[in-house]
Amino acid sequence: MSVGMILEILVAVLLVVTVVYCAILDRRLNALRSGQDGLKAIIEGLDGATKRAQASIGELRGAAEATGLALTAHTAKGRALADELQIMIEAGNALADRLEGSRAATAGAPPREMPKPQAPRAKIPEDWEDNLMKALREAR
C-alpha cells in the first residue's frame, strides 16, 4: 500500500466520522428547537392567562365598587331609619310620661263617665290604661 492510498483511506474514515458526528449534532439541535417551541407555547399560554387574570381583576374592582356604593346607600338609609325610630321612641316616652302625669293628677278626681257607644263594639277591658302604661314602660 502506498502512502497516498493510506492518506485517502484516513481522509475517508475521517469524513465518515464527521458525517456521523453531524447527524448526532443535527438530532440534538432539532431536540433543542422543539424544546424551544414547547417553551414558546408555554410562554404564550402564560401570557394569555395573565391577560385574562388582569381583565378579571378589573371586573372584580368594578363589582367591588358597585357593591360598596350599594352598601353605602343601604347604610345611609338604615341610619336615617334608626334616627327616625329614635325620634318616635322619644315621642312615645314623652307621651307615656304625660299619661302617667295626667293619671296621677286625676287619681283624686271622680272618674268621668264615658259616652255610650251607638253601635255595638268590642268590649274594651277596664284596665286598658294600666296595660298601656305597662306596655310603654316595657318598650323603654
C-alpha atoms as a PDB file:
ATOM      1  CA  MET A   1       0.000   0.000   0.000  1.00  0.00           C
ATOM      2  CA  SER A   2       1.226   3.288  -0.869  1.00  0.00           C
ATOM      3  CA  VAL A   3       1.275   6.362   1.263  1.00  0.00           C
ATOM      4  CA  GLY A   4      -1.294   8.064  -0.980  1.00  0.00           C
ATOM      5  CA  MET A   5      -3.747   5.214  -0.516  1.00  0.00           C
ATOM      6  CA  ILE A   6      -3.332   5.267   3.259  1.00  0.00           C
ATOM      7  CA  LEU A   7      -3.970   9.003   3.294  1.00  0.00           C
ATOM      8  CA  GLU A   8      -7.107   8.602   1.189  1.00  0.00           C
ATOM      9  CA  ILE A   9      -8.428   5.847   3.497  1.00  0.00           C
ATOM     10  CA  LEU A  10      -7.657   8.046   6.521  1.00  0.00           C
ATOM     11  CA  VAL A  11      -9.486  11.001   4.912  1.00  0.00           C
ATOM     12  CA  ALA A  12     -12.448   8.716   4.060  1.00  0.00           C
ATOM     13  CA  VAL A  13     -12.623   7.447   7.682  1.00  0.00           C
ATOM     14  CA  LEU A  14     -12.429  10.992   8.996  1.00  0.00           C
ATOM     15  CA  LEU A  15     -15.207  12.015   6.580  1.00  0.00           C
ATOM     16  CA  VAL A  16     -17.427   9.141   7.827  1.00  0.00           C
ATOM     17  CA  VAL A  17     -16.746  10.159  11.438  1.00  0.00           C
ATOM     18  CA  THR A  18     -17.583  13.763  10.515  1.00  0.00           C
ATOM     19  CA  VAL A  19     -20.868  12.731   8.850  1.00  0.00           C
ATOM     20  CA  VAL A  20     -21.874  10.631  11.884  1.00  0.00           C
ATOM     21  CA  TYR A  21     -20.995  13.484  14.234  1.00  0.00           C
ATOM     22  CA  CYS A  22     -23.025  15.919  12.063  1.00  0.00           C
ATOM     23  CA  ALA A  23     -26.029  13.562  12.206  1.00  0.00           C
ATOM     24  CA  ILE A  24     -25.817  13.396  16.020  1.00  0.00           C
ATOM     25  CA  LEU A  25     -25.433  17.163  16.203  1.00  0.00           C
ATOM     26  CA  ASP A  26     -28.471  17.617  13.900  1.00  0.00           C
ATOM     27  CA  ARG A  27     -30.640  15.448  16.188  1.00  0.00           C
ATOM     28  CA  ARG A  28     -29.585  17.424  19.234  1.00  0.00           C
ATOM     29  CA  LEU A  29     -30.268  20.744  17.514  1.00  0.00           C
ATOM     30  CA  ASN A  30     -33.726  19.516  16.434  1.00  0.00           C
ATOM     31  CA  ALA A  31     -34.464  18.446  20.010  1.00  0.00           C
ATOM     32  CA  LEU A  32     -33.347  21.854  21.250  1.00  0.00           C
ATOM     33  CA  ARG A  33     -35.533  23.630  18.675  1.00  0.00           C
ATOM     34  CA  SER A  34     -38.575  21.515  19.563  1.00  0.00           C
ATOM     35  CA  GLY A  35     -37.910  22.286  23.240  1.00  0.00           C
ATOM     36  CA  GLN A  36     -37.822  25.969  22.383  1.00  0.00           C
ATOM     37  CA  ASP A  37     -41.121  25.610  20.524  1.00  0.00           C
ATOM     38  CA  GLY A  38     -42.653  23.955  23.589  1.00  0.00           C
ATOM     39  CA  LEU A  39     -41.255  26.684  25.801  1.00  0.00           C
ATOM     40  CA  LYS A  40     -42.620  29.284  23.425  1.00  0.00           C
ATOM     41  CA  ALA A  41     -46.080  27.683  23.610  1.00  0.00           C
ATOM     42  CA  ILE A  42     -45.902  27.641  27.410  1.00  0.00           C
ATOM     43  CA  ILE A  43     -44.892  31.306  27.486  1.00  0.00           C
ATOM     44  CA  GLU A  44     -47.755  32.238  25.132  1.00  0.00           C
ATOM     45  CA  GLY A  45     -50.208  30.319  27.333  1.00  0.00           C
ATOM     46  CA  LEU A  46     -48.887  32.055  30.417  1.00  0.00           C
ATOM     47  CA  ASP A  47     -49.197  35.431  28.702  1.00  0.00           C
ATOM     48  CA  GLY A  48     -52.827  34.686  27.788  1.00  0.00           C
ATOM     49  CA  ALA A  49     -53.583  33.585  31.336  1.00  0.00           C
ATOM     50  CA  THR A  50     -52.007  36.772  32.683  1.00  0.00           C
ATOM     51  CA  LYS A  51     -54.144  38.927  30.386  1.00  0.00           C
ATOM     52  CA  ARG A  52     -57.310  37.070  31.443  1.00  0.00           C
ATOM     53  CA  ALA A  53     -56.342  37.494  35.107  1.00  0.00           C
ATOM     54  CA  GLN A  54     -55.845  41.228  34.620  1.00  0.00           C
ATOM     55  CA  ALA A  55     -59.249  41.519  32.944  1.00  0.00           C
ATOM     56  CA  SER A  56     -60.847  39.556  35.796  1.00  0.00           C
ATOM     57  CA  ILE A  57     -59.200  41.810  38.370  1.00  0.00           C
ATOM     58  CA  GLY A  58     -60.644  44.835  36.581  1.00  0.00           C
ATOM     59  CA  GLU A  59     -64.098  43.263  36.638  1.00  0.00           C
ATOM     60  CA  LEU A  60     -63.717  42.420  40.333  1.00  0.00           C
ATOM     61  CA  ARG A  61     -62.744  46.014  41.092  1.00  0.00           C
ATOM     62  CA  GLY A  62     -65.827  47.268  39.264  1.00  0.00           C
ATOM     63  CA  ALA A  63     -68.057  44.824  41.115  1.00  0.00           C
ATOM     64  CA  ALA A  64     -66.467  45.771  44.444  1.00  0.00           C
ATOM     65  CA  GLU A  65     -67.035  49.474  43.765  1.00  0.00           C
ATOM     66  CA  ALA A  66     -70.671  48.863  42.818  1.00  0.00           C
ATOM     67  CA  THR A  67     -71.208  46.747  45.917  1.00  0.00           C
ATOM     68  CA  GLY A  68     -69.526  49.390  48.068  1.00  0.00           C
ATOM     69  CA  LEU A  69     -71.805  52.101  46.692  1.00  0.00           C
ATOM     70  CA  ALA A  70     -74.884  49.943  47.262  1.00  0.00           C
ATOM     71  CA  LEU A  71     -73.734  49.145  50.795  1.00  0.00           C
ATOM     72  CA  THR A  72     -73.140  52.830  51.496  1.00  0.00           C
ATOM     73  CA  ALA A  73     -76.653  53.652  50.275  1.00  0.00           C
ATOM     74  CA  HIS A  74     -78.179  50.901  52.427  1.00  0.00           C
ATOM     75  CA  THR A  75     -76.176  52.059  55.430  1.00  0.00           C
ATOM     76  CA  ALA A  76     -77.320  55.654  54.961  1.00  0.00           C
ATOM     77  CA  LYS A  77     -80.932  54.507  54.640  1.00  0.00           C
ATOM     78  CA  GLY A  78     -80.557  52.377  57.770  1.00  0.00           C
ATOM     79  CA  ARG A  79     -79.101  55.290  59.708  1.00  0.00           C
ATOM     80  CA  ALA A  80     -81.977  57.523  58.615  1.00  0.00           C
ATOM     81  CA  LEU A  81     -84.486  54.898  59.727  1.00  0.00           C
ATOM     82  CA  ALA A  82     -82.660  54.485  63.034  1.00  0.00           C
ATOM     83  CA  ASP A  83     -82.781  58.252  63.593  1.00  0.00           C
ATOM     84  CA  GLU A  84     -86.492  58.303  62.768  1.00  0.00           C
ATOM     85  CA  LEU A  85     -87.111  55.385  65.123  1.00  0.00           C
ATOM     86  CA  GLN A  86     -85.191  57.193  67.876  1.00  0.00           C
ATOM     87  CA  ILE A  87     -87.435  60.243  67.413  1.00  0.00           C
ATOM     88  CA  MET A  88     -90.505  58.001  67.613  1.00  0.00           C
ATOM     89  CA  ILE A  89     -89.218  56.369  70.799  1.00  0.00           C
ATOM     90  CA  GLU A  90     -88.570  59.751  72.375  1.00  0.00           C
ATOM     91  CA  ALA A  91     -92.088  60.916  71.410  1.00  0.00           C
ATOM     92  CA  GLY A  92     -93.551  57.713  72.860  1.00  0.00           C
ATOM     93  CA  ASN A  93     -91.616  58.187  76.092  1.00  0.00           C
ATOM     94  CA  ALA A  94     -92.798  61.792  76.344  1.00  0.00           C
ATOM     95  CA  LEU A  95     -96.373  60.650  75.754  1.00  0.00           C
ATOM     96  CA  ALA A  96     -96.011  57.942  78.399  1.00  0.00           C
ATOM     97  CA  ASP A  97     -94.677  60.499  80.859  1.00  0.00           C
ATOM     98  CA  ARG A  98     -97.605  62.819  80.120  1.00  0.00           C
ATOM     99  CA  LEU A  99    -100.093  59.985  80.519  1.00  0.00           C
ATOM    100  CA  GLU A 100     -98.526  58.976  83.767  1.00  0.00           C
ATOM    101  CA  GLY A 101     -98.607  62.583  84.980  1.00  0.00           C
ATOM    102  CA  SER A 102    -102.246  63.089  83.989  1.00  0.00           C
ATOM    103  CA  ARG A 103    -103.203  59.789  85.570  1.00  0.00           C
ATOM    104  CA  ALA A 104    -101.591  60.876  88.825  1.00  0.00           C
ATOM    105  CA  ALA A 105    -103.409  64.216  88.614  1.00  0.00           C
ATOM    106  CA  THR A 106    -106.793  62.600  88.007  1.00  0.00           C
ATOM    107  CA  ALA A 107    -106.325  59.908  90.660  1.00  0.00           C
ATOM    108  CA  GLY A 108    -108.154  62.031  93.252  1.00  0.00           C
ATOM    109  CA  ALA A 109    -110.872  63.225  90.888  1.00  0.00           C
ATOM    110  CA  PRO A 110    -114.023  61.182  90.394  1.00  0.00           C
ATOM    111  CA  PRO A 111    -113.924  59.112  87.228  1.00  0.00           C
ATOM    112  CA  ARG A 112    -115.567  60.634  84.211  1.00  0.00           C
ATOM    113  CA  GLU A 113    -118.391  58.861  82.543  1.00  0.00           C
ATOM    114  CA  MET A 114    -117.633  57.591  79.088  1.00  0.00           C
ATOM    115  CA  PRO A 115    -120.282  58.227  76.455  1.00  0.00           C
ATOM    116  CA  LYS A 116    -122.201  55.150  75.456  1.00  0.00           C
ATOM    117  CA  PRO A 117    -121.284  53.811  72.039  1.00  0.00           C
ATOM    118  CA  GLN A 118    -124.042  53.958  69.461  1.00  0.00           C
ATOM    119  CA  ALA A 119    -123.168  50.774  67.645  1.00  0.00           C
ATOM    120  CA  PRO A 120    -122.105  47.612  69.421  1.00  0.00           C
ATOM    121  CA  ARG A 121    -118.317  47.484  69.623  1.00  0.00           C
ATOM    122  CA  ALA A 122    -115.829  45.033  71.023  1.00  0.00           C
ATOM    123  CA  LYS A 123    -115.616  45.290  74.768  1.00  0.00           C
ATOM    124  CA  ILE A 124    -112.593  47.266  75.949  1.00  0.00           C
ATOM    125  CA  PRO A 125    -111.100  45.908  79.151  1.00  0.00           C
ATOM    126  CA  GLU A 126    -111.391  48.193  82.138  1.00  0.00           C
ATOM    127  CA  ASP A 127    -107.675  48.075  82.875  1.00  0.00           C
ATOM    128  CA  TRP A 128    -106.671  49.305  79.409  1.00  0.00           C
ATOM    129  CA  GLU A 129    -104.801  52.267  80.845  1.00  0.00           C
ATOM    130  CA  ASP A 130    -102.751  50.006  83.094  1.00  0.00           C
ATOM    131  CA  ASN A 131    -101.998  47.715  80.167  1.00  0.00           C
ATOM    132  CA  LEU A 132    -100.974  50.688  78.020  1.00  0.00           C
ATOM    133  CA  MET A 133     -98.706  52.071  80.720  1.00  0.00           C
ATOM    134  CA  LYS A 134     -97.145  48.648  81.267  1.00  0.00           C
ATOM    135  CA  ALA A 135     -96.505  48.212  77.519  1.00  0.00           C
ATOM    136  CA  LEU A 136     -94.954  51.672  77.282  1.00  0.00           C
ATOM    137  CA  ARG A 137     -92.657  51.018  80.235  1.00  0.00           C
ATOM    138  CA  GLU A 138     -91.536  47.712  78.732  1.00  0.00           C
ATOM    139  CA  ALA A 139     -90.847  49.451  75.426  1.00  0.00           C
ATOM    140  CA  ARG A 140     -88.375  51.762  77.120  1.00  0.00           C
END
